[in-house]
Amino acid sequence: MQYYDSKSQLDGSEIDSQSAFEMHPWPSHYSSQVSITPSYKSYLSTYTPSQASFFVLPVTSEAPNELRRPQDNWGFAFCSLFINPIFGIVAILLAEMSRDFFKKKNYIQASKYGAYAKGVAMGGIISMIIVLVLIIAQVLHYYLKFNY
């Protein structure tokens, strides 16, 4: 079995190779591995032979799919903030949670929290309408009670 080592091309060894990478024998205390190091003539390589096995690959992350974006109902939650501030704040928090789940690519949870935000915003608007109707009814009842 033959072992290969990364050996520099600059030490006076043969440089007339046409390949971009060359194989060199390793010392005998290594296992049966092959080290392919950049050649002296390689134009594409930026690594020296001592750095060839220690380079770091770039980390890539997959972005969330915009086509699968569920409704977060942030605009509706913001509008409900002016009608009923208590429900509006809760609806905005739920809409933000929906956006966070979308960024984490958890589309089902994002859809659920978007629906929760819409429900809370709608509940705030409906409860405010009911309270206004009750206040108007009380004022009318008080006004009509003395006009008989």
C-alpha atoms as a PDB file:
ATOM      1  CA  MET A   1       0.000   0.000   0.000  1.00  0.00           C
ATOM      2  CA  GLN A   2       1.365   3.420  -0.854  1.00  0.00           C
ATOM      3  CA  TYR A   3       0.837   6.517   1.270  1.00  0.00           C
ATOM      4  CA  TYR A   4       0.737  10.092   0.029  1.00  0.00           C
ATOM      5  CA  ASP A   5       1.776  13.326   1.653  1.00  0.00           C
ATOM      6  CA  SER A   6       1.208  16.948   0.786  1.00  0.00           C
ATOM      7  CA  LYS A   7       4.614  18.162  -0.376  1.00  0.00           C
ATOM      8  CA  SER A   8       5.364  21.618  -1.639  1.00  0.00           C
ATOM      9  CA  GLN A   9       6.259  22.076  -5.297  1.00  0.00           C
ATOM     10  CA  LEU A  10       8.616  24.878  -4.409  1.00  0.00           C
ATOM     11  CA  ASP A  11      11.345  22.679  -2.915  1.00  0.00           C
ATOM     12  CA  GLY A  12      12.950  21.886  -6.262  1.00  0.00           C
ATOM     13  CA  SER A  13      10.889  18.823  -7.148  1.00  0.00           C
ATOM     14  CA  GLU A  14       9.440  18.240 -10.546  1.00  0.00           C
ATOM     15  CA  ILE A  15       7.174  21.098 -11.760  1.00  0.00           C
ATOM     16  CA  ASP A  16       6.400  19.937 -15.287  1.00  0.00           C
ATOM     17  CA  SER A  17       3.095  18.289 -14.391  1.00  0.00           C
ATOM     18  CA  GLN A  18       0.076  19.450 -16.396  1.00  0.00           C
ATOM     19  CA  SER A  19      -2.610  18.611 -13.822  1.00  0.00           C
ATOM     20  CA  ALA A  20      -4.055  21.205 -11.499  1.00  0.00           C
ATOM     21  CA  PHE A  21      -3.638  18.880  -8.496  1.00  0.00           C
ATOM     22  CA  GLU A  22      -0.838  16.509  -7.602  1.00  0.00           C
ATOM     23  CA  MET A  23      -0.554  13.576  -5.207  1.00  0.00           C
ATOM     24  CA  HIS A  24       2.432  13.215  -2.867  1.00  0.00           C
ATOM     25  CA  PRO A  25       3.344  10.304  -0.550  1.00  0.00           C
ATOM     26  CA  TRP A  26       2.379  10.646   3.119  1.00  0.00           C
ATOM     27  CA  PRO A  27       4.623   9.577   5.993  1.00  0.00           C
ATOM     28  CA  SER A  28       4.198   5.968   7.081  1.00  0.00           C
ATOM     29  CA  HIS A  29       2.465   6.780  10.389  1.00  0.00           C
ATOM     30  CA  TYR A  30      -0.726   7.913   8.566  1.00  0.00           C
ATOM     31  CA  SER A  31      -3.414   5.523   7.441  1.00  0.00           C
ATOM     32  CA  SER A  32      -4.087   4.717   3.825  1.00  0.00           C
ATOM     33  CA  GLN A  33      -5.369   8.123   2.763  1.00  0.00           C
ATOM     34  CA  VAL A  34      -4.708  10.219  -0.266  1.00  0.00           C
ATOM     35  CA  SER A  35      -4.121  13.933  -0.052  1.00  0.00           C
ATOM     36  CA  ILE A  36      -4.865  15.924  -3.187  1.00  0.00           C
ATOM     37  CA  THR A  37      -3.210  19.296  -2.893  1.00  0.00           C
ATOM     38  CA  PRO A  38      -3.218  22.245  -5.250  1.00  0.00           C
ATOM     39  CA  SER A  39      -0.494  22.196  -7.832  1.00  0.00           C
ATOM     40  CA  TYR A  40       2.059  24.957  -8.289  1.00  0.00           C
ATOM     41  CA  LYS A  41       0.633  25.549 -11.773  1.00  0.00           C
ATOM     42  CA  SER A  42      -2.988  25.696 -10.665  1.00  0.00           C
ATOM     43  CA  TYR A  43      -4.566  29.074 -11.394  1.00  0.00           C
ATOM     44  CA  LEU A  44      -7.804  28.285  -9.548  1.00  0.00           C
ATOM     45  CA  SER A  45      -6.315  27.309  -6.209  1.00  0.00           C
ATOM     46  CA  THR A  46      -5.788  29.866  -3.474  1.00  0.00           C
ATOM     47  CA  TYR A  47      -4.688  27.452  -0.757  1.00  0.00           C
ATOM     48  CA  THR A  48      -1.132  26.585   0.126  1.00  0.00           C
ATOM     49  CA  PRO A  49      -0.355  22.880   0.679  1.00  0.00           C
ATOM     50  CA  SER A  50      -0.294  23.354   4.462  1.00  0.00           C
ATOM     51  CA  GLN A  51      -3.776  24.942   4.400  1.00  0.00           C
ATOM     52  CA  ALA A  52      -5.362  22.512   1.958  1.00  0.00           C
ATOM     53  CA  SER A  53      -7.100  20.425   4.600  1.00  0.00           C
ATOM     54  CA  PHE A  54      -8.152  23.321   6.859  1.00  0.00           C
ATOM     55  CA  PHE A  55     -10.309  25.546   4.682  1.00  0.00           C
ATOM     56  CA  VAL A  56     -13.837  26.463   5.746  1.00  0.00           C
ATOM     57  CA  LEU A  57     -16.766  26.186   3.404  1.00  0.00           C
ATOM     58  CA  PRO A  58     -19.234  29.081   3.421  1.00  0.00           C
ATOM     59  CA  VAL A  59     -22.449  28.480   5.330  1.00  0.00           C
ATOM     60  CA  THR A  60     -25.559  28.934   3.247  1.00  0.00           C
ATOM     61  CA  SER A  61     -29.081  29.093   4.575  1.00  0.00           C
ATOM     62  CA  GLU A  62     -32.265  28.483   2.752  1.00  0.00           C
ATOM     63  CA  ALA A  63     -34.586  31.488   2.710  1.00  0.00           C
ATOM     64  CA  PRO A  64     -38.304  31.042   3.407  1.00  0.00           C
ATOM     65  CA  ASN A  65     -40.437  30.413   0.342  1.00  0.00           C
ATOM     66  CA  GLU A  66     -42.327  33.632  -0.438  1.00  0.00           C
ATOM     67  CA  LEU A  67     -44.901  31.693  -2.470  1.00  0.00           C
ATOM     68  CA  ARG A  68     -45.967  29.825   0.674  1.00  0.00           C
ATOM     69  CA  ARG A  69     -46.317  32.947   2.831  1.00  0.00           C
ATOM     70  CA  PRO A  70     -49.524  32.730   4.878  1.00  0.00           C
ATOM     71  CA  GLN A  71     -51.547  35.803   5.784  1.00  0.00           C
ATOM     72  CA  ASP A  72     -50.174  37.359   8.953  1.00  0.00           C
ATOM     73  CA  ASN A  73     -52.975  40.011   9.015  1.00  0.00           C
ATOM     74  CA  TRP A  74     -50.638  42.642  10.428  1.00  0.00           C
ATOM     75  CA  GLY A  75     -52.459  45.521   8.718  1.00  0.00           C
ATOM     76  CA  PHE A  76     -55.818  44.417  10.050  1.00  0.00           C
ATOM     77  CA  ALA A  77     -54.316  44.051  13.541  1.00  0.00           C
ATOM     78  CA  PHE A  78     -52.833  47.537  13.311  1.00  0.00           C
ATOM     79  CA  CYS A  79     -56.201  49.022  12.285  1.00  0.00           C
ATOM     80  CA  SER A  80     -57.904  47.294  15.206  1.00  0.00           C
ATOM     81  CA  LEU A  81     -55.392  48.976  17.510  1.00  0.00           C
ATOM     82  CA  PHE A  82     -57.190  52.301  16.929  1.00  0.00           C
ATOM     83  CA  ILE A  83     -60.653  50.858  17.523  1.00  0.00           C
ATOM     84  CA  ASN A  84     -59.899  48.709  20.584  1.00  0.00           C
ATOM     85  CA  PRO A  85     -56.339  49.168  21.911  1.00  0.00           C
ATOM     86  CA  ILE A  86     -56.341  46.161  24.254  1.00  0.00           C
ATOM     87  CA  PHE A  87     -57.344  43.666  21.580  1.00  0.00           C
ATOM     88  CA  GLY A  88     -55.249  45.545  19.018  1.00  0.00           C
ATOM     89  CA  ILE A  89     -52.010  45.094  20.966  1.00  0.00           C
ATOM     90  CA  VAL A  90     -52.668  41.372  21.362  1.00  0.00           C
ATOM     91  CA  ALA A  91     -53.496  41.087  17.649  1.00  0.00           C
ATOM     92  CA  ILE A  92     -50.250  42.853  16.685  1.00  0.00           C
ATOM     93  CA  LEU A  93     -48.239  40.506  18.915  1.00  0.00           C
ATOM     94  CA  LEU A  94     -49.891  37.495  17.299  1.00  0.00           C
ATOM     95  CA  ALA A  95     -49.219  38.891  13.823  1.00  0.00           C
ATOM     96  CA  GLU A  96     -45.537  39.359  14.725  1.00  0.00           C
ATOM     97  CA  MET A  97     -45.390  35.786  16.000  1.00  0.00           C
ATOM     98  CA  SER A  98     -46.826  34.686  12.667  1.00  0.00           C
ATOM     99  CA  ARG A  99     -44.021  36.543  10.871  1.00  0.00           C
ATOM    100  CA  ASP A 100     -41.415  34.942  13.133  1.00  0.00           C
ATOM    101  CA  PHE A 101     -42.743  31.449  12.425  1.00  0.00           C
ATOM    102  CA  PHE A 102     -42.643  32.203   8.698  1.00  0.00           C
ATOM    103  CA  LYS A 103     -38.993  33.261   8.958  1.00  0.00           C
ATOM    104  CA  LYS A 104     -38.275  29.946  10.702  1.00  0.00           C
ATOM    105  CA  LYS A 105     -40.024  28.167   7.774  1.00  0.00           C
ATOM    106  CA  ASN A 106     -42.758  26.801  10.041  1.00  0.00           C
ATOM    107  CA  TYR A 107     -45.610  27.611   7.663  1.00  0.00           C
ATOM    108  CA  ILE A 108     -48.377  25.802   9.558  1.00  0.00           C
ATOM    109  CA  GLN A 109     -47.710  27.642  12.818  1.00  0.00           C
ATOM    110  CA  ALA A 110     -47.402  30.912  10.889  1.00  0.00           C
ATOM    111  CA  SER A 111     -50.793  30.301   9.327  1.00  0.00           C
ATOM    112  CA  LYS A 112     -52.345  29.500  12.722  1.00  0.00           C
ATOM    113  CA  TYR A 113     -50.984  32.622  14.410  1.00  0.00           C
ATOM    114  CA  GLY A 114     -52.055  34.748  11.439  1.00  0.00           C
ATOM    115  CA  ALA A 115     -55.574  33.393  11.856  1.00  0.00           C
ATOM    116  CA  TYR A 116     -55.401  34.042  15.618  1.00  0.00           C
ATOM    117  CA  ALA A 117     -54.359  37.642  14.950  1.00  0.00           C
ATOM    118  CA  LYS A 118     -57.282  38.082  12.570  1.00  0.00           C
ATOM    119  CA  GLY A 119     -59.691  36.582  15.121  1.00  0.00           C
ATOM    120  CA  VAL A 120     -58.466  38.757  17.980  1.00  0.00           C
ATOM    121  CA  ALA A 121     -58.600  41.888  15.810  1.00  0.00           C
ATOM    122  CA  MET A 122     -62.112  41.019  14.635  1.00  0.00           C
ATOM    123  CA  GLY A 123     -63.151  40.242  18.231  1.00  0.00           C
ATOM    124  CA  GLY A 124     -61.825  43.632  19.354  1.00  0.00           C
ATOM    125  CA  ILE A 125     -63.753  45.449  16.631  1.00  0.00           C
ATOM    126  CA  ILE A 126     -66.978  43.536  17.302  1.00  0.00           C
ATOM    127  CA  SER A 127     -66.729  44.022  21.075  1.00  0.00           C
ATOM    128  CA  MET A 128     -66.177  47.755  20.604  1.00  0.00           C
ATOM    129  CA  ILE A 129     -69.213  47.967  18.299  1.00  0.00           C
ATOM    130  CA  ILE A 130     -71.307  46.102  20.898  1.00  0.00           C
ATOM    131  CA  VAL A 131     -70.104  48.435  23.678  1.00  0.00           C
ATOM    132  CA  LEU A 132     -70.927  51.492  21.540  1.00  0.00           C
ATOM    133  CA  VAL A 133     -74.397  50.120  20.753  1.00  0.00           C
ATOM    134  CA  LEU A 134     -75.016  49.493  24.461  1.00  0.00           C
ATOM    135  CA  ILE A 135     -73.861  53.002  25.368  1.00  0.00           C
ATOM    136  CA  ILE A 136     -76.082  54.544  22.679  1.00  0.00           C
ATOM    137  CA  ALA A 137     -79.021  52.399  23.836  1.00  0.00           C
ATOM    138  CA  GLN A 138     -78.502  53.501  27.450  1.00  0.00           C
ATOM    139  CA  VAL A 139     -78.334  57.171  26.454  1.00  0.00           C
ATOM    140  CA  LEU A 140     -81.481  56.843  24.313  1.00  0.00           C
ATOM    141  CA  HIS A 141     -83.304  55.025  27.085  1.00  0.00           C
ATOM    142  CA  TYR A 142     -82.370  57.717  29.603  1.00  0.00           C
ATOM    143  CA  TYR A 143     -83.409  60.463  27.159  1.00  0.00           C
ATOM    144  CA  LEU A 144     -86.726  58.831  26.212  1.00  0.00           C
ATOM    145  CA  LYS A 145     -87.616  58.001  29.824  1.00  0.00           C
ATOM    146  CA  PHE A 146     -88.183  61.672  30.663  1.00  0.00           C
ATOM    147  CA  ASN A 147     -90.002  62.568  27.429  1.00  0.00           C
ATOM    148  CA  TYR A 148     -93.252  60.682  28.072  1.00  0.00           C
END
